[in-house]
Amino acid sequence: MSFLRRRSGQPTGPDFDVLAMDPGDWPGDFGAAMMTGPDGSCQGIFLRYDLFGGRGPAMFIGNLPEGSPARDTGDSVPFEVRQLLAALGDEEPVEFVSAEDFPVMLGDDLLIVKKVKVSEGRVFCAQFGRSDGVQVTIASWDRPISDDLYQLLKPLPADMFQQG
């Protein structure tokens, strides 16, 4: 996929394209957060999509580069799942149940998506690796993730993540 590439130069935000749904296409509230390392490097970008009028997120999308500590949770429950549940105020313990790979066609490209099942049945989660080493994780609350969602993902403008 040609749009999955590292950015050139030294942006003040992440040094990779952030793949997500365009916030302008989202009918609810949208928020973004950057996880920085001790050296100031970007360790991940998290996008929160809220359809519930401020009562909680409907979806989290994480973009985690290679080496990000959030990629290794130790128990196979994706970081984004825990963030989604914390934002919803759900303090029940959640455990990894299973993971299965599924092929998804994106135009002429084949994307292998790992669907992750956790003990909280209202959470749906999917992960895939990009050609630039960034792992994308989608965690959705009470809404199954359909193959159509992957068609909506695109790089967001770099200036969304500029400090200023």
C-alpha atoms as a PDB file:
ATOM      1  CA  MET A   1       0.000   0.000   0.000  1.00  0.00           C
ATOM      2  CA  SER A   2       1.742   3.067  -1.228  1.00  0.00           C
ATOM      3  CA  PHE A   3       0.148   5.462   1.282  1.00  0.00           C
ATOM      4  CA  LEU A   4       1.753   3.631   4.195  1.00  0.00           C
ATOM      5  CA  ARG A   5       5.131   5.306   4.338  1.00  0.00           C
ATOM      6  CA  ARG A   6       7.381   7.196   6.703  1.00  0.00           C
ATOM      7  CA  ARG A   7       7.273  10.940   6.450  1.00  0.00           C
ATOM      8  CA  SER A   8      10.379  12.795   5.394  1.00  0.00           C
ATOM      9  CA  GLY A   9      11.926  15.624   7.397  1.00  0.00           C
ATOM     10  CA  GLN A  10      11.568  16.236  11.107  1.00  0.00           C
ATOM     11  CA  PRO A  11       7.933  16.964  12.001  1.00  0.00           C
ATOM     12  CA  THR A  12       7.160  17.945  15.580  1.00  0.00           C
ATOM     13  CA  GLY A  13       4.503  15.247  15.674  1.00  0.00           C
ATOM     14  CA  PRO A  14       4.904  11.582  14.780  1.00  0.00           C
ATOM     15  CA  ASP A  15       7.387  10.599  12.083  1.00  0.00           C
ATOM     16  CA  PHE A  16       4.852   8.290  10.437  1.00  0.00           C
ATOM     17  CA  ASP A  17       1.486   8.726   8.782  1.00  0.00           C
ATOM     18  CA  VAL A  18      -1.384   8.337  11.229  1.00  0.00           C
ATOM     19  CA  LEU A  19      -3.980   6.069   9.695  1.00  0.00           C
ATOM     20  CA  ALA A  20      -7.560   6.692  10.844  1.00  0.00           C
ATOM     21  CA  MET A  21     -10.992   7.845   9.749  1.00  0.00           C
ATOM     22  CA  ASP A  22     -11.171  11.512   8.802  1.00  0.00           C
ATOM     23  CA  PRO A  23     -12.592  13.337  11.849  1.00  0.00           C
ATOM     24  CA  GLY A  24     -14.601  15.527   9.472  1.00  0.00           C
ATOM     25  CA  ASP A  25     -16.514  12.426   8.387  1.00  0.00           C
ATOM     26  CA  TRP A  26     -17.335  11.452  11.984  1.00  0.00           C
ATOM     27  CA  PRO A  27     -20.726  12.647  13.260  1.00  0.00           C
ATOM     28  CA  GLY A  28     -19.712  12.793  16.948  1.00  0.00           C
ATOM     29  CA  ASP A  29     -16.851  14.144  19.027  1.00  0.00           C
ATOM     30  CA  PHE A  30     -13.237  13.369  18.149  1.00  0.00           C
ATOM     31  CA  GLY A  31     -10.038  13.519  20.182  1.00  0.00           C
ATOM     32  CA  ALA A  32      -6.401  12.620  19.616  1.00  0.00           C
ATOM     33  CA  ALA A  33      -3.516  11.984  21.997  1.00  0.00           C
ATOM     34  CA  MET A  34       0.168  11.332  21.455  1.00  0.00           C
ATOM     35  CA  MET A  35       2.257   9.031  23.660  1.00  0.00           C
ATOM     36  CA  THR A  36       5.806  10.365  23.889  1.00  0.00           C
ATOM     37  CA  GLY A  37       8.937   8.547  24.966  1.00  0.00           C
ATOM     38  CA  PRO A  38      11.507   9.940  27.426  1.00  0.00           C
ATOM     39  CA  ASP A  39      13.518  11.281  24.474  1.00  0.00           C
ATOM     40  CA  GLY A  40      10.477  13.099  23.047  1.00  0.00           C
ATOM     41  CA  SER A  41       9.939  10.570  20.261  1.00  0.00           C
ATOM     42  CA  CYS A  42       6.409   9.565  19.306  1.00  0.00           C
ATOM     43  CA  GLN A  43       5.538   6.169  20.794  1.00  0.00           C
ATOM     44  CA  GLY A  44       1.978   6.167  19.495  1.00  0.00           C
ATOM     45  CA  ILE A  45      -1.032   8.179  18.401  1.00  0.00           C
ATOM     46  CA  PHE A  46      -4.471   7.348  19.758  1.00  0.00           C
ATOM     47  CA  LEU A  47      -7.693   8.604  18.215  1.00  0.00           C
ATOM     48  CA  ARG A  48     -10.957   8.548  20.143  1.00  0.00           C
ATOM     49  CA  TYR A  49     -14.275   8.705  18.319  1.00  0.00           C
ATOM     50  CA  ASP A  50     -17.289   9.502  20.501  1.00  0.00           C
ATOM     51  CA  LEU A  51     -20.832   8.956  19.271  1.00  0.00           C
ATOM     52  CA  PHE A  52     -22.441   9.098  22.680  1.00  0.00           C
ATOM     53  CA  GLY A  53     -22.543  12.872  23.206  1.00  0.00           C
ATOM     54  CA  GLY A  54     -19.694  13.002  25.709  1.00  0.00           C
ATOM     55  CA  ARG A  55     -20.834   9.911  27.609  1.00  0.00           C
ATOM     56  CA  GLY A  56     -18.050   7.713  26.291  1.00  0.00           C
ATOM     57  CA  PRO A  57     -16.176   6.656  23.184  1.00  0.00           C
ATOM     58  CA  ALA A  58     -17.523   4.359  20.523  1.00  0.00           C
ATOM     59  CA  MET A  59     -14.066   3.580  19.126  1.00  0.00           C
ATOM     60  CA  PHE A  60     -10.332   3.951  19.732  1.00  0.00           C
ATOM     61  CA  ILE A  61      -7.790   3.657  16.921  1.00  0.00           C
ATOM     62  CA  GLY A  62      -4.129   3.323  17.879  1.00  0.00           C
ATOM     63  CA  ASN A  63      -1.097   3.745  15.613  1.00  0.00           C
ATOM     64  CA  LEU A  64       1.945   2.279  17.393  1.00  0.00           C
ATOM     65  CA  PRO A  65       5.410   2.306  15.779  1.00  0.00           C
ATOM     66  CA  GLU A  66       7.938  -0.480  16.241  1.00  0.00           C
ATOM     67  CA  GLY A  67       9.481  -0.315  19.708  1.00  0.00           C
ATOM     68  CA  SER A  68       6.454   1.337  21.349  1.00  0.00           C
ATOM     69  CA  PRO A  69       6.007  -0.029  24.879  1.00  0.00           C
ATOM     70  CA  ALA A  70       2.220  -0.034  24.352  1.00  0.00           C
ATOM     71  CA  ARG A  71       2.589  -2.823  21.770  1.00  0.00           C
ATOM     72  CA  ASP A  72       3.699  -5.337  24.422  1.00  0.00           C
ATOM     73  CA  THR A  73       1.001  -5.511  27.086  1.00  0.00           C
ATOM     74  CA  GLY A  74       2.234  -8.811  28.490  1.00  0.00           C
ATOM     75  CA  ASP A  75      -1.232 -10.394  28.516  1.00  0.00           C
ATOM     76  CA  SER A  76      -2.241 -10.050  24.819  1.00  0.00           C
ATOM     77  CA  VAL A  77      -5.066  -7.593  25.630  1.00  0.00           C
ATOM     78  CA  PRO A  78      -4.412  -4.655  23.280  1.00  0.00           C
ATOM     79  CA  PHE A  79      -3.587  -1.324  24.919  1.00  0.00           C
ATOM     80  CA  GLU A  80      -6.438   0.326  22.989  1.00  0.00           C
ATOM     81  CA  VAL A  81      -8.976  -2.091  24.504  1.00  0.00           C
ATOM     82  CA  ARG A  82      -7.887  -1.093  28.004  1.00  0.00           C
ATOM     83  CA  GLN A  83      -8.007   2.605  27.076  1.00  0.00           C
ATOM     84  CA  LEU A  84     -11.513   2.215  25.635  1.00  0.00           C
ATOM     85  CA  LEU A  85     -12.774   0.479  28.767  1.00  0.00           C
ATOM     86  CA  ALA A  86     -11.089   3.028  31.061  1.00  0.00           C
ATOM     87  CA  ALA A  87     -12.697   5.904  29.125  1.00  0.00           C
ATOM     88  CA  LEU A  88     -16.077   4.207  29.524  1.00  0.00           C
ATOM     89  CA  GLY A  89     -15.495   3.824  33.267  1.00  0.00           C
ATOM     90  CA  ASP A  90     -15.612   0.020  33.003  1.00  0.00           C
ATOM     91  CA  GLU A  91     -13.332  -1.271  35.760  1.00  0.00           C
ATOM     92  CA  GLU A  92     -14.115  -4.968  35.307  1.00  0.00           C
ATOM     93  CA  PRO A  93     -11.034  -7.067  34.546  1.00  0.00           C
ATOM     94  CA  VAL A  94     -10.678  -8.029  30.898  1.00  0.00           C
ATOM     95  CA  GLU A  95      -8.762 -11.017  29.581  1.00  0.00           C
ATOM     96  CA  PHE A  96      -7.545 -12.189  26.205  1.00  0.00           C
ATOM     97  CA  VAL A  97      -9.716 -15.014  24.798  1.00  0.00           C
ATOM     98  CA  SER A  98      -8.479 -15.663  21.247  1.00  0.00           C
ATOM     99  CA  ALA A  99      -7.149 -14.145  18.021  1.00  0.00           C
ATOM    100  CA  GLU A 100      -7.756 -15.151  14.421  1.00  0.00           C
ATOM    101  CA  ASP A 101      -6.376 -13.824  11.133  1.00  0.00           C
ATOM    102  CA  PHE A 102      -8.781 -12.764   8.373  1.00  0.00           C
ATOM    103  CA  PRO A 103      -8.014 -11.575   4.833  1.00  0.00           C
ATOM    104  CA  VAL A 104      -9.523  -8.232   3.770  1.00  0.00           C
ATOM    105  CA  MET A 105      -9.263  -6.811   0.244  1.00  0.00           C
ATOM    106  CA  LEU A 106      -8.377  -3.112  -0.045  1.00  0.00           C
ATOM    107  CA  GLY A 107      -8.660  -2.398  -3.745  1.00  0.00           C
ATOM    108  CA  ASP A 108      -6.021  -4.677  -5.267  1.00  0.00           C
ATOM    109  CA  ASP A 109      -4.172  -5.130  -1.964  1.00  0.00           C
ATOM    110  CA  LEU A 110      -4.670  -7.921   0.540  1.00  0.00           C
ATOM    111  CA  LEU A 111      -4.682  -6.906   4.195  1.00  0.00           C
ATOM    112  CA  ILE A 112      -4.368  -9.571   6.899  1.00  0.00           C
ATOM    113  CA  VAL A 113      -6.403  -8.442   9.901  1.00  0.00           C
ATOM    114  CA  LYS A 114      -6.125 -10.113  13.292  1.00  0.00           C
ATOM    115  CA  LYS A 115      -9.463 -10.109  15.087  1.00  0.00           C
ATOM    116  CA  VAL A 116      -8.882 -10.183  18.831  1.00  0.00           C
ATOM    117  CA  LYS A 117     -11.554 -11.484  21.172  1.00  0.00           C
ATOM    118  CA  VAL A 118     -11.507 -10.466  24.838  1.00  0.00           C
ATOM    119  CA  SER A 119     -13.655 -11.493  27.797  1.00  0.00           C
ATOM    120  CA  GLU A 120     -15.796  -8.325  27.569  1.00  0.00           C
ATOM    121  CA  GLY A 121     -18.274  -9.347  24.860  1.00  0.00           C
ATOM    122  CA  ARG A 122     -19.247  -5.765  23.953  1.00  0.00           C
ATOM    123  CA  VAL A 123     -15.673  -4.961  22.836  1.00  0.00           C
ATOM    124  CA  PHE A 124     -14.655  -5.689  19.254  1.00  0.00           C
ATOM    125  CA  CYS A 125     -11.001  -5.414  18.298  1.00  0.00           C
ATOM    126  CA  ALA A 126      -8.975  -5.749  15.105  1.00  0.00           C
ATOM    127  CA  GLN A 127      -5.252  -5.240  14.427  1.00  0.00           C
ATOM    128  CA  PHE A 128      -3.064  -5.096  11.366  1.00  0.00           C
ATOM    129  CA  GLY A 129       0.541  -4.264  10.619  1.00  0.00           C
ATOM    130  CA  ARG A 130       1.430  -1.627   8.042  1.00  0.00           C
ATOM    131  CA  SER A 131       4.286  -1.772   5.556  1.00  0.00           C
ATOM    132  CA  ASP A 132       6.167   0.860   7.598  1.00  0.00           C
ATOM    133  CA  GLY A 133       6.116  -1.246  10.788  1.00  0.00           C
ATOM    134  CA  VAL A 134       3.296   0.681  12.476  1.00  0.00           C
ATOM    135  CA  GLN A 135       0.648  -1.466  14.155  1.00  0.00           C
ATOM    136  CA  VAL A 136      -2.931  -0.210  13.837  1.00  0.00           C
ATOM    137  CA  THR A 137      -5.458  -1.379  16.425  1.00  0.00           C
ATOM    138  CA  ILE A 138      -9.175  -0.608  16.312  1.00  0.00           C
ATOM    139  CA  ALA A 139     -11.183  -1.170  19.492  1.00  0.00           C
ATOM    140  CA  SER A 140     -14.918  -0.629  19.228  1.00  0.00           C
ATOM    141  CA  TRP A 141     -17.596  -0.568  21.908  1.00  0.00           C
ATOM    142  CA  ASP A 142     -20.807  -2.453  21.178  1.00  0.00           C
ATOM    143  CA  ARG A 143     -20.299  -2.173  17.387  1.00  0.00           C
ATOM    144  CA  PRO A 144     -18.804  -5.017  15.348  1.00  0.00           C
ATOM    145  CA  ILE A 145     -15.952  -3.972  13.042  1.00  0.00           C
ATOM    146  CA  SER A 146     -16.966  -4.616   9.446  1.00  0.00           C
ATOM    147  CA  ASP A 147     -14.656  -4.925   6.443  1.00  0.00           C
ATOM    148  CA  ASP A 148     -16.101  -1.623   5.189  1.00  0.00           C
ATOM    149  CA  LEU A 149     -14.356   0.237   8.023  1.00  0.00           C
ATOM    150  CA  TYR A 150     -10.908  -0.520   6.593  1.00  0.00           C
ATOM    151  CA  GLN A 151     -11.926   1.264   3.369  1.00  0.00           C
ATOM    152  CA  LEU A 152     -12.495   4.467   5.403  1.00  0.00           C
ATOM    153  CA  LEU A 153      -9.009   4.513   6.946  1.00  0.00           C
ATOM    154  CA  LYS A 154      -6.585   7.024   5.453  1.00  0.00           C
ATOM    155  CA  PRO A 155      -3.582   9.082   6.566  1.00  0.00           C
ATOM    156  CA  LEU A 156      -4.572  12.189   8.513  1.00  0.00           C
ATOM    157  CA  PRO A 157      -2.860  15.521   7.748  1.00  0.00           C
ATOM    158  CA  ALA A 158       0.470  15.921   9.555  1.00  0.00           C
ATOM    159  CA  ASP A 159      -0.523  19.379  10.819  1.00  0.00           C
ATOM    160  CA  MET A 160      -3.162  17.778  13.073  1.00  0.00           C
ATOM    161  CA  PHE A 161      -0.286  16.614  15.264  1.00  0.00           C
ATOM    162  CA  GLN A 162       1.914  19.730  15.233  1.00  0.00           C
ATOM    163  CA  GLN A 163       2.601  21.465  18.501  1.00  0.00           C
ATOM    164  CA  GLY A 164       1.799  25.122  18.418  1.00  0.00           C
END
